[in-house]
Protein backbone atom coordinates (compact mmCIF):
# COMPACT_ATOMS: atom_id res chain seq x y z
CA MET A 1 -51.91 -26.35 4.51
CA VAL A 2 -53.77 -25.87 1.29
CA ASP A 3 -56.03 -28.49 0.66
CA GLN A 4 -54.65 -30.24 -2.68
CA THR A 5 -58.35 -31.27 -3.72
CA LEU A 6 -60.07 -27.61 -3.64
CA LEU A 7 -56.47 -26.88 -5.44
CA ALA A 8 -57.27 -29.52 -8.20
CA LYS A 9 -60.82 -28.43 -8.03
CA ALA A 10 -59.67 -24.60 -9.25
CA ARG A 11 -57.06 -26.24 -11.86
CA LYS A 12 -59.46 -28.28 -13.56
CA ALA A 13 -62.40 -25.16 -13.81
CA ARG A 14 -59.49 -22.81 -14.51
CA PHE A 15 -58.20 -25.56 -17.63
CA ASP A 16 -62.35 -25.73 -18.52
CA ASP A 17 -62.48 -22.04 -19.13
CA LEU A 18 -59.83 -21.96 -21.24
CA THR A 19 -60.65 -21.70 -24.98
CA ASN A 20 -59.81 -23.83 -27.21
CA CYS A 21 -56.76 -23.19 -29.90
CA SER A 22 -57.53 -23.55 -33.34
CA GLY A 23 -54.25 -22.21 -34.94
CA HIS A 24 -55.97 -19.25 -36.12
CA PRO A 25 -54.28 -16.31 -36.54
CA SER A 26 -56.39 -13.83 -34.68
CA GLU A 27 -55.78 -16.39 -31.54
CA ASP A 28 -52.82 -15.00 -29.67
CA VAL A 29 -51.02 -17.92 -28.96
CA GLU A 30 -48.56 -16.04 -26.15
CA ARG A 31 -51.89 -15.50 -23.80
CA PHE A 32 -52.69 -19.15 -24.88
CA LEU A 33 -49.40 -20.17 -23.34
CA LYS A 34 -49.50 -18.03 -21.31
CA SER A 35 -52.84 -19.60 -19.40
CA ILE A 36 -51.08 -23.07 -20.05
CA LYS A 37 -48.01 -22.22 -17.72
CA ASN A 38 -50.50 -20.52 -15.59
CA ILE A 39 -52.44 -23.23 -14.76
CA THR A 40 -50.17 -25.96 -15.13
CA LYS A 41 -47.62 -24.09 -13.06
CA ALA A 42 -45.17 -25.23 -15.93
CA ASN A 43 -41.74 -23.56 -16.34
CA ASP A 44 -38.83 -23.90 -18.86
CA GLU A 45 -36.99 -27.10 -17.30
CA SER A 46 -40.47 -29.06 -17.03
CA ASP A 47 -40.71 -32.33 -18.57
CA ASN A 48 -43.57 -33.56 -16.90
CA HIS A 49 -45.76 -35.58 -19.51
CA GLU A 50 -49.09 -34.03 -18.19
CA ILE A 51 -48.41 -30.31 -19.23
CA LEU A 52 -48.12 -31.98 -23.10
CA GLU A 53 -51.57 -33.95 -22.55
CA ILE A 54 -53.10 -31.06 -21.05
CA VAL A 55 -52.14 -28.95 -24.25
CA ARG A 56 -52.88 -31.18 -26.71
CA GLY A 57 -57.13 -31.00 -24.99
CA LYS A 58 -56.94 -28.07 -25.89
CA LEU A 59 -56.45 -27.82 -29.40
CA THR A 60 -57.91 -28.28 -32.35
CA GLN A 61 -58.14 -27.41 -35.47
CA SER A 62 -54.90 -26.64 -38.15
CA ALA A 63 -53.43 -26.84 -34.29
CA GLY A 64 -54.06 -30.24 -33.48
CA LEU A 65 -52.78 -31.84 -36.26
CA TRP A 66 -49.24 -29.64 -36.25
CA CYS A 67 -48.77 -31.74 -32.00
CA VAL A 68 -50.05 -34.79 -33.68
CA ASN A 69 -47.44 -34.22 -36.60
CA HIS A 70 -44.34 -33.12 -34.18
CA GLU A 71 -45.46 -34.84 -31.02
CA SER A 72 -42.15 -37.00 -31.31
CA ILE A 73 -39.61 -33.29 -31.08
CA SER A 74 -42.06 -32.28 -28.47
CA LYS A 75 -40.49 -33.90 -25.56
CA THR A 76 -40.47 -31.40 -23.31
CA TRP A 77 -42.57 -28.08 -22.05
CA SER A 78 -40.45 -25.84 -23.62
CA ASP A 79 -39.35 -27.45 -26.90
CA PHE A 80 -43.33 -27.55 -27.26
CA GLU A 81 -43.50 -23.75 -26.55
CA ALA A 82 -40.74 -22.50 -28.81
CA ALA A 83 -41.86 -24.71 -31.76
CA PHE A 84 -45.61 -23.93 -31.40
CA ARG A 85 -44.98 -20.27 -30.40
CA ASN A 86 -42.51 -20.33 -33.82
CA HIS A 87 -45.45 -21.73 -35.88
CA TYR A 88 -48.73 -20.03 -34.65
CA PHE A 89 -47.08 -16.56 -33.81
CA SER A 90 -49.26 -14.13 -35.43
CA THR A 91 -47.41 -10.95 -37.18
CA THR A 92 -50.81 -9.80 -36.89
CA ILE A 93 -51.14 -9.87 -33.31
CA ALA A 94 -47.64 -8.64 -32.62
CA HIS A 95 -48.97 -5.27 -35.22
CA THR A 96 -51.99 -4.93 -33.21
CA LYS A 97 -50.25 -5.20 -29.61
CA PHE A 98 -47.82 -2.98 -30.87
CA ASP A 99 -50.53 -0.09 -32.33
CA THR A 100 -52.34 -0.23 -29.37
CA LEU A 101 -49.12 0.32 -27.64
CA LYS A 102 -47.83 3.47 -28.98
CA GLN A 103 -51.24 4.85 -28.61
CA ARG A 104 -51.78 3.63 -24.89
CA THR A 105 -51.97 6.94 -22.76
CA GLN A 106 -52.48 7.14 -18.85
CA SER A 107 -55.87 8.19 -17.92
CA TYR A 108 -56.15 11.25 -15.73
CA ASP A 109 -57.77 9.09 -13.01
CA GLU A 110 -55.90 5.46 -14.02
CA ALA A 111 -53.77 4.25 -11.12
CA VAL A 112 -50.08 4.64 -11.90
CA THR A 113 -49.40 0.26 -11.20
CA SER A 114 -52.81 -0.52 -13.40
CA TYR A 115 -51.04 1.91 -15.77
CA CYS A 116 -47.92 0.15 -15.57
CA ASP A 117 -49.04 -3.51 -15.65
CA ASP A 118 -50.89 -3.05 -19.13
CA VAL A 119 -47.40 -1.29 -21.21
CA VAL A 120 -45.57 -3.60 -19.69
CA ASN A 121 -47.64 -6.80 -20.21
CA LEU A 122 -48.36 -5.21 -23.81
CA CYS A 123 -44.34 -5.07 -24.07
CA ARG A 124 -43.73 -8.34 -23.63
CA ALA A 125 -46.96 -9.83 -25.43
CA ILE A 126 -44.63 -8.11 -28.14
CA ASP A 127 -41.48 -9.38 -27.44
CA LEU A 128 -40.75 -11.38 -24.37
CA ASN A 129 -37.19 -10.45 -24.49
CA MET A 130 -37.65 -6.32 -24.90
CA LEU A 131 -35.22 -4.79 -23.29
CA GLU A 132 -35.55 -2.80 -19.94
CA GLN A 133 -34.79 0.48 -20.83
CA VAL A 134 -37.23 0.08 -23.63
CA ILE A 135 -40.01 -0.96 -21.85
CA ILE A 136 -39.12 2.05 -19.34
CA GLN A 137 -39.17 3.96 -22.79
CA HIS A 138 -42.63 2.82 -23.79
CA LEU A 139 -43.54 3.52 -19.72
CA MET A 140 -42.32 7.05 -19.96
CA SER A 141 -43.89 8.41 -23.14
CA ARG A 142 -47.36 8.60 -22.36
CA LEU A 143 -47.88 8.60 -18.97
CA ASN A 144 -49.67 11.25 -17.52
CA PRO A 145 -48.40 14.93 -17.63
CA ASP A 146 -48.87 16.10 -14.62
CA PHE A 147 -47.13 12.74 -12.61
CA ARG A 148 -44.26 12.76 -15.32
CA LYS A 149 -43.18 16.23 -13.55
CA GLN A 150 -43.56 14.80 -10.49
CA LEU A 151 -41.30 12.05 -11.01
CA LEU A 152 -38.49 14.32 -13.25
CA ARG A 153 -38.55 16.34 -10.20
CA ARG A 154 -38.15 13.73 -7.64
CA GLU A 155 -34.52 12.56 -10.10
CA SER A 156 -33.20 15.98 -10.11
């Protein structure tokens, strides 16, 4: 059995390490929301008001003001997450991540799992609903040529 006190201390340490979100266009809103979800174990059905209070504690400047002004419409985690993402998602960051994805290649000494994890994370950061077929195309397009040949041989 896991010691709940130890678990709470670990979550508090992760929360303390989480950077504030001011709403500046250069900030990665997706990473911020993902970190909050990981720390609080929030999911789409979560309506725990403590989660929203935790988020409010990390919002500063325009993001903090936005949160105060939209408090009445953000009653659940999924409502807050959708509204916050829609308001603060930076197209600049999306374009930067897409450029990174287009240039991402597997190096000769890089593990396939590491490469795949990185590409899938980039795809999900660009579009949470990206089709698996599109993700696979991105994975295959910059895969190490030697490994790709072996993979294609297995398929035939």
